Amino acid sequence: MNRIERRPPTPGEAEIEYQDGDFRILKPGAYVRCAATKVEIPLDELRYWDVDSQEAYASPQAKLERLGLTVKL
């Protein structure tokens, strides 16, 4: 299953295998947790992840936070 296929979400946290440009659901669930902020990310809103570390991020800023970098605007 990929993010284009739609099914009613299963309650709880999903287990995901992050791939280049897509992800594979290993255990169904409604969300994953951001590795930096620990917020719940609904699967239909998941846009940012790291294939090498197999982590999801709520935003590009969350990825920078996870790397220990800060953003000056």
PDB file of N, CA and C in Angstrom:
ATOM      1  N   MET A   1       0.840  -1.182   0.000  1.00  0.00           N
ATOM      2  CA  MET A   1       0.000   0.000   0.000  1.00  0.00           C
ATOM      3  C   MET A   1       0.878   1.235   0.000  1.00  0.00           C
ATOM      4  N   ASN A   2       0.479   2.240  -0.718  1.00  0.00           N
ATOM      5  CA  ASN A   2       1.216   3.490  -0.699  1.00  0.00           C
ATOM      6  C   ASN A   2       0.279   4.622  -0.330  1.00  0.00           C
ATOM      7  N   ARG A   3       0.790   5.851  -0.320  1.00  0.00           N
ATOM      8  CA  ARG A   3      -0.023   6.962   0.151  1.00  0.00           C
ATOM      9  C   ARG A   3      -1.154   7.335  -0.801  1.00  0.00           C
ATOM     10  N   ILE A   4      -1.156   6.804  -2.020  1.00  0.00           N
ATOM     11  CA  ILE A   4      -2.239   7.067  -2.956  1.00  0.00           C
ATOM     12  C   ILE A   4      -3.449   6.191  -2.639  1.00  0.00           C
ATOM     13  N   GLU A   5      -3.205   4.980  -2.181  1.00  0.00           N
ATOM     14  CA  GLU A   5      -4.292   4.067  -1.843  1.00  0.00           C
ATOM     15  C   GLU A   5      -4.932   4.511  -0.531  1.00  0.00           C
ATOM     16  N   ARG A   6      -6.248   4.543  -0.475  1.00  0.00           N
ATOM     17  CA  ARG A   6      -6.957   5.021   0.714  1.00  0.00           C
ATOM     18  C   ARG A   6      -7.762   3.898   1.348  1.00  0.00           C
ATOM     19  N   ARG A   7      -7.590   3.776   2.650  1.00  0.00           N
ATOM     20  CA  ARG A   7      -8.383   2.859   3.461  1.00  0.00           C
ATOM     21  C   ARG A   7      -8.743   3.592   4.741  1.00  0.00           C
ATOM     22  N   PRO A   8      -9.804   3.199   5.411  1.00  0.00           N
ATOM     23  CA  PRO A   8     -10.099   3.838   6.697  1.00  0.00           C
ATOM     24  C   PRO A   8      -8.923   3.621   7.651  1.00  0.00           C
ATOM     25  N   PRO A   9      -8.488   4.659   8.341  1.00  0.00           N
ATOM     26  CA  PRO A   9      -7.327   4.504   9.219  1.00  0.00           C
ATOM     27  C   PRO A   9      -7.613   3.584  10.400  1.00  0.00           C
ATOM     28  N   THR A  10      -6.630   2.775  10.721  1.00  0.00           N
ATOM     29  CA  THR A  10      -6.681   1.939  11.901  1.00  0.00           C
ATOM     30  C   THR A  10      -6.201   2.792  13.068  1.00  0.00           C
ATOM     31  N   PRO A  11      -6.884   2.755  14.205  1.00  0.00           N
ATOM     32  CA  PRO A  11      -6.437   3.575  15.333  1.00  0.00           C
ATOM     33  C   PRO A  11      -5.018   3.194  15.764  1.00  0.00           C
ATOM     34  N   GLY A  12      -4.291   4.165  16.294  1.00  0.00           N
ATOM     35  CA  GLY A  12      -2.965   3.921  16.827  1.00  0.00           C
ATOM     36  C   GLY A  12      -1.856   4.312  15.874  1.00  0.00           C
ATOM     37  N   GLU A  13      -0.651   4.033  16.302  1.00  0.00           N
ATOM     38  CA  GLU A  13       0.543   4.411  15.548  1.00  0.00           C
ATOM     39  C   GLU A  13       0.886   3.346  14.508  1.00  0.00           C
ATOM     40  N   ALA A  14       1.211   3.799  13.315  1.00  0.00           N
ATOM     41  CA  ALA A  14       1.588   2.898  12.224  1.00  0.00           C
ATOM     42  C   ALA A  14       3.088   2.627  12.259  1.00  0.00           C
ATOM     43  N   GLU A  15       3.484   1.507  11.685  1.00  0.00           N
ATOM     44  CA  GLU A  15       4.891   1.215  11.435  1.00  0.00           C
ATOM     45  C   GLU A  15       5.106   1.366   9.944  1.00  0.00           C
ATOM     46  N   ILE A  16       6.117   2.152   9.580  1.00  0.00           N
ATOM     47  CA  ILE A  16       6.339   2.508   8.188  1.00  0.00           C
ATOM     48  C   ILE A  16       7.765   2.177   7.767  1.00  0.00           C
ATOM     49  N   GLU A  17       7.915   1.706   6.541  1.00  0.00           N
ATOM     50  CA  GLU A  17       9.233   1.600   5.917  1.00  0.00           C
ATOM     51  C   GLU A  17       9.320   2.763   4.927  1.00  0.00           C
ATOM     52  N   TYR A  18      10.222   3.691   5.202  1.00  0.00           N
ATOM     53  CA  TYR A  18      10.367   4.877   4.360  1.00  0.00           C
ATOM     54  C   TYR A  18      11.262   4.559   3.179  1.00  0.00           C
ATOM     55  N   GLN A  19      10.791   4.897   1.999  1.00  0.00           N
ATOM     56  CA  GLN A  19      11.523   4.641   0.769  1.00  0.00           C
ATOM     57  C   GLN A  19      11.714   5.957   0.030  1.00  0.00           C
ATOM     58  N   ASP A  20      12.491   5.944  -1.029  1.00  0.00           N
ATOM     59  CA  ASP A  20      12.700   7.146  -1.831  1.00  0.00           C
ATOM     60  C   ASP A  20      11.390   7.535  -2.507  1.00  0.00           C
ATOM     61  N   GLY A  21      10.801   8.660  -2.087  1.00  0.00           N
ATOM     62  CA  GLY A  21       9.592   9.165  -2.717  1.00  0.00           C
ATOM     63  C   GLY A  21       8.311   8.463  -2.338  1.00  0.00           C
ATOM     64  N   ASP A  22       8.354   7.496  -1.451  1.00  0.00           N
ATOM     65  CA  ASP A  22       7.170   6.747  -1.060  1.00  0.00           C
ATOM     66  C   ASP A  22       7.441   6.071   0.272  1.00  0.00           C
ATOM     67  N   PHE A  23       6.437   5.432   0.812  1.00  0.00           N
ATOM     68  CA  PHE A  23       6.619   4.634   2.025  1.00  0.00           C
ATOM     69  C   PHE A  23       5.717   3.422   1.956  1.00  0.00           C
ATOM     70  N   ARG A  24       6.092   2.414   2.734  1.00  0.00           N
ATOM     71  CA  ARG A  24       5.326   1.168   2.775  1.00  0.00           C
ATOM     72  C   ARG A  24       4.839   0.968   4.198  1.00  0.00           C
ATOM     73  N   ILE A  25       3.562   0.679   4.354  1.00  0.00           N
ATOM     74  CA  ILE A  25       2.989   0.476   5.677  1.00  0.00           C
ATOM     75  C   ILE A  25       3.217  -0.964   6.100  1.00  0.00           C
ATOM     76  N   LEU A  26       3.953  -1.135   7.190  1.00  0.00           N
ATOM     77  CA  LEU A  26       4.238  -2.467   7.724  1.00  0.00           C
ATOM     78  C   LEU A  26       3.176  -2.882   8.737  1.00  0.00           C
ATOM     79  N   LYS A  27       2.721  -1.916   9.544  1.00  0.00           N
ATOM     80  CA  LYS A  27       1.653  -2.152  10.513  1.00  0.00           C
ATOM     81  C   LYS A  27       0.674  -0.994  10.377  1.00  0.00           C
ATOM     82  N   PRO A  28      -0.571  -1.258  10.039  1.00  0.00           N
ATOM     83  CA  PRO A  28      -1.544  -0.183   9.848  1.00  0.00           C
ATOM     84  C   PRO A  28      -1.729   0.667  11.106  1.00  0.00           C
ATOM     85  N   GLY A  29      -2.009   1.920  10.878  1.00  0.00           N
ATOM     86  CA  GLY A  29      -2.277   2.868  11.953  1.00  0.00           C
ATOM     87  C   GLY A  29      -2.717   4.183  11.358  1.00  0.00           C
ATOM     88  N   ALA A  30      -3.104   5.111  12.216  1.00  0.00           N
ATOM     89  CA  ALA A  30      -3.612   6.399  11.767  1.00  0.00           C
ATOM     90  C   ALA A  30      -2.525   7.450  11.641  1.00  0.00           C
ATOM     91  N   TYR A  31      -1.390   7.247  12.306  1.00  0.00           N
ATOM     92  CA  TYR A  31      -0.359   8.279  12.347  1.00  0.00           C
ATOM     93  C   TYR A  31       1.022   7.675  12.604  1.00  0.00           C
ATOM     94  N   VAL A  32       2.047   8.504  12.422  1.00  0.00           N
ATOM     95  CA  VAL A  32       3.414   8.221  12.872  1.00  0.00           C
ATOM     96  C   VAL A  32       3.849   9.405  13.712  1.00  0.00           C
ATOM     97  N   ARG A  33       4.905   9.253  14.480  1.00  0.00           N
ATOM     98  CA  ARG A  33       5.409  10.339  15.319  1.00  0.00           C
ATOM     99  C   ARG A  33       6.609  11.008  14.675  1.00  0.00           C
ATOM    100  N   CYS A  34       6.641  12.326  14.794  1.00  0.00           N
ATOM    101  CA  CYS A  34       7.786  13.097  14.318  1.00  0.00           C
ATOM    102  C   CYS A  34       8.982  12.755  15.201  1.00  0.00           C
ATOM    103  N   ALA A  35      10.114  12.454  14.596  1.00  0.00           N
ATOM    104  CA  ALA A  35      11.318  12.082  15.341  1.00  0.00           C
ATOM    105  C   ALA A  35      11.872  13.245  16.163  1.00  0.00           C
ATOM    106  N   ALA A  36      11.587  14.475  15.749  1.00  0.00           N
ATOM    107  CA  ALA A  36      12.120  15.640  16.445  1.00  0.00           C
ATOM    108  C   ALA A  36      11.163  16.179  17.498  1.00  0.00           C
ATOM    109  N   THR A  37       9.901  16.339  17.128  1.00  0.00           N
ATOM    110  CA  THR A  37       8.939  17.007  18.010  1.00  0.00           C
ATOM    111  C   THR A  37       8.016  16.049  18.746  1.00  0.00           C
ATOM    112  N   LYS A  38       7.972  14.812  18.305  1.00  0.00           N
ATOM    113  CA  LYS A  38       7.107  13.766  18.874  1.00  0.00           C
ATOM    114  C   LYS A  38       5.621  14.004  18.639  1.00  0.00           C
ATOM    115  N   VAL A  39       5.251  14.971  17.792  1.00  0.00           N
ATOM    116  CA  VAL A  39       3.840  15.181  17.466  1.00  0.00           C
ATOM    117  C   VAL A  39       3.357  14.066  16.551  1.00  0.00           C
ATOM    118  N   GLU A  40       2.058  13.793  16.599  1.00  0.00           N
ATOM    119  CA  GLU A  40       1.457  12.792  15.729  1.00  0.00           C
ATOM    120  C   GLU A  40       1.272  13.390  14.338  1.00  0.00           C
ATOM    121  N   ILE A  41       1.690  12.657  13.317  1.00  0.00           N
ATOM    122  CA  ILE A  41       1.523  13.074  11.925  1.00  0.00           C
ATOM    123  C   ILE A  41       0.554  12.090  11.277  1.00  0.00           C
ATOM    124  N   PRO A  42      -0.659  12.539  10.922  1.00  0.00           N
ATOM    125  CA  PRO A  42      -1.580  11.640  10.211  1.00  0.00           C
ATOM    126  C   PRO A  42      -0.932  11.161   8.910  1.00  0.00           C
ATOM    127  N   LEU A  43      -1.139   9.919   8.561  1.00  0.00           N
ATOM    128  CA  LEU A  43      -0.482   9.363   7.373  1.00  0.00           C
ATOM    129  C   LEU A  43      -0.795  10.137   6.107  1.00  0.00           C
ATOM    130  N   ASP A  44      -2.005  10.679   5.995  1.00  0.00           N
ATOM    131  CA  ASP A  44      -2.328  11.430   4.783  1.00  0.00           C
ATOM    132  C   ASP A  44      -1.660  12.808   4.751  1.00  0.00           C
ATOM    133  N   GLU A  45      -1.022  13.208   5.845  1.00  0.00           N
ATOM    134  CA  GLU A  45      -0.278  14.474   5.891  1.00  0.00           C
ATOM    135  C   GLU A  45       1.236  14.267   5.933  1.00  0.00           C
ATOM    136  N   LEU A  46       1.678  13.030   5.913  1.00  0.00           N
ATOM    137  CA  LEU A  46       3.110  12.727   5.981  1.00  0.00           C
ATOM    138  C   LEU A  46       3.803  13.125   4.677  1.00  0.00           C
ATOM    139  N   ARG A  47       4.721  14.068   4.766  1.00  0.00           N
ATOM    140  CA  ARG A  47       5.417  14.576   3.580  1.00  0.00           C
ATOM    141  C   ARG A  47       6.943  14.513   3.704  1.00  0.00           C
ATOM    142  N   TYR A  48       7.452  14.439   4.932  1.00  0.00           N
ATOM    143  CA  TYR A  48       8.893  14.540   5.154  1.00  0.00           C
ATOM    144  C   TYR A  48       9.396  13.345   5.957  1.00  0.00           C
ATOM    145  N   TRP A  49      10.443  12.694   5.423  1.00  0.00           N
ATOM    146  CA  TRP A  49      11.064  11.581   6.129  1.00  0.00           C
ATOM    147  C   TRP A  49      12.482  11.411   5.634  1.00  0.00           C
ATOM    148  N   ASP A  50      13.238  10.615   6.384  1.00  0.00           N
ATOM    149  CA  ASP A  50      14.625  10.326   6.028  1.00  0.00           C
ATOM    150  C   ASP A  50      14.739   8.823   5.806  1.00  0.00           C
ATOM    151  N   VAL A  51      15.122   8.438   4.615  1.00  0.00           N
ATOM    152  CA  VAL A  51      15.222   7.019   4.262  1.00  0.00           C
ATOM    153  C   VAL A  51      16.329   6.345   5.065  1.00  0.00           C
ATOM    154  N   ASP A  52      17.486   7.014   5.199  1.00  0.00           N
ATOM    155  CA  ASP A  52      18.627   6.403   5.884  1.00  0.00           C
ATOM    156  C   ASP A  52      18.356   6.150   7.366  1.00  0.00           C
ATOM    157  N   SER A  53      17.763   7.117   8.043  1.00  0.00           N
ATOM    158  CA  SER A  53      17.500   6.947   9.481  1.00  0.00           C
ATOM    159  C   SER A  53      16.123   6.360   9.758  1.00  0.00           C
ATOM    160  N   GLN A  54      15.277   6.227   8.692  1.00  0.00           N
ATOM    161  CA  GLN A  54      13.920   5.684   8.827  1.00  0.00           C
ATOM    162  C   GLN A  54      13.124   6.463   9.876  1.00  0.00           C
ATOM    163  N   GLU A  55      13.151   7.812   9.741  1.00  0.00           N
ATOM    164  CA  GLU A  55      12.435   8.685  10.654  1.00  0.00           C
ATOM    165  C   GLU A  55      11.502   9.606   9.873  1.00  0.00           C
ATOM    166  N   ALA A  56      10.369   9.931  10.506  1.00  0.00           N
ATOM    167  CA  ALA A  56       9.407  10.873   9.926  1.00  0.00           C
ATOM    168  C   ALA A  56       9.579  12.229  10.598  1.00  0.00           C
ATOM    169  N   TYR A  57       9.213  13.296   9.862  1.00  0.00           N
ATOM    170  CA  TYR A  57       9.314  14.658  10.379  1.00  0.00           C
ATOM    171  C   TYR A  57       8.046  15.421  10.047  1.00  0.00           C
ATOM    172  N   ALA A  58       7.605  16.250  10.970  1.00  0.00           N
ATOM    173  CA  ALA A  58       6.393  17.042  10.778  1.00  0.00           C
ATOM    174  C   ALA A  58       6.607  18.179   9.789  1.00  0.00           C
ATOM    175  N   SER A  59       7.859  18.620   9.626  1.00  0.00           N
ATOM    176  CA  SER A  59       8.161  19.743   8.738  1.00  0.00           C
ATOM    177  C   SER A  59       9.657  19.728   8.423  1.00  0.00           C
ATOM    178  N   PRO A  60      10.089  20.520   7.433  1.00  0.00           N
ATOM    179  CA  PRO A  60      11.532  20.634   7.178  1.00  0.00           C
ATOM    180  C   PRO A  60      12.270  21.204   8.390  1.00  0.00           C
ATOM    181  N   GLN A  61      11.621  22.119   9.122  1.00  0.00           N
ATOM    182  CA  GLN A  61      12.241  22.686  10.315  1.00  0.00           C
ATOM    183  C   GLN A  61      12.468  21.623  11.385  1.00  0.00           C
ATOM    184  N   ALA A  62      11.552  20.660  11.480  1.00  0.00           N
ATOM    185  CA  ALA A  62      11.710  19.565  12.442  1.00  0.00           C
ATOM    186  C   ALA A  62      12.937  18.725  12.104  1.00  0.00           C
ATOM    187  N   LYS A  63      13.202  18.509  10.823  1.00  0.00           N
ATOM    188  CA  LYS A  63      14.394  17.768  10.401  1.00  0.00           C
ATOM    189  C   LYS A  63      15.647  18.521  10.832  1.00  0.00           C
ATOM    190  N   LEU A  64      15.663  19.837  10.613  1.00  0.00           N
ATOM    191  CA  LEU A  64      16.812  20.635  11.031  1.00  0.00           C
ATOM    192  C   LEU A  64      16.993  20.591  12.548  1.00  0.00           C
ATOM    193  N   GLU A  65      15.891  20.622  13.269  1.00  0.00           N
ATOM    194  CA  GLU A  65      15.939  20.523  14.726  1.00  0.00           C
ATOM    195  C   GLU A  65      16.543  19.182  15.142  1.00  0.00           C
ATOM    196  N   ARG A  66      16.144  18.126  14.465  1.00  0.00           N
ATOM    197  CA  ARG A  66      16.660  16.784  14.767  1.00  0.00           C
ATOM    198  C   ARG A  66      18.166  16.703  14.527  1.00  0.00           C
ATOM    199  N   LEU A  67      18.645  17.457  13.532  1.00  0.00           N
ATOM    200  CA  LEU A  67      20.081  17.506  13.227  1.00  0.00           C
ATOM    201  C   LEU A  67      20.849  18.440  14.157  1.00  0.00           C
ATOM    202  N   GLY A  68      20.108  19.146  15.017  1.00  0.00           N
ATOM    203  CA  GLY A  68      20.753  20.072  15.939  1.00  0.00           C
ATOM    204  C   GLY A  68      21.056  21.416  15.313  1.00  0.00           C
ATOM    205  N   LEU A  69      20.396  21.725  14.218  1.00  0.00           N
ATOM    206  CA  LEU A  69      20.602  22.990  13.526  1.00  0.00           C
ATOM    207  C   LEU A  69      19.427  23.926  13.827  1.00  0.00           C
ATOM    208  N   THR A  70      19.685  25.208  13.814  1.00  0.00           N
ATOM    209  CA  THR A  70      18.614  26.181  13.992  1.00  0.00           C
ATOM    210  C   THR A  70      18.473  27.005  12.739  1.00  0.00           C
ATOM    211  N   VAL A  71      17.295  27.530  12.539  1.00  0.00           N
ATOM    212  CA  VAL A  71      17.015  28.319  11.341  1.00  0.00           C
ATOM    213  C   VAL A  71      16.818  29.772  11.747  1.00  0.00           C
ATOM    214  N   LYS A  72      17.556  30.687  11.107  1.00  0.00           N
ATOM    215  CA  LYS A  72      17.362  32.112  11.324  1.00  0.00           C
ATOM    216  C   LYS A  72      16.550  32.672  10.171  1.00  0.00           C
ATOM    217  N   LEU A  73      15.497  33.357  10.520  1.00  0.00           N
ATOM    218  CA  LEU A  73      14.646  33.957   9.484  1.00  0.00           C
ATOM    219  C   LEU A  73      14.869  35.436   9.408  1.00  0.00           C
TER     220      LEU A  73
END
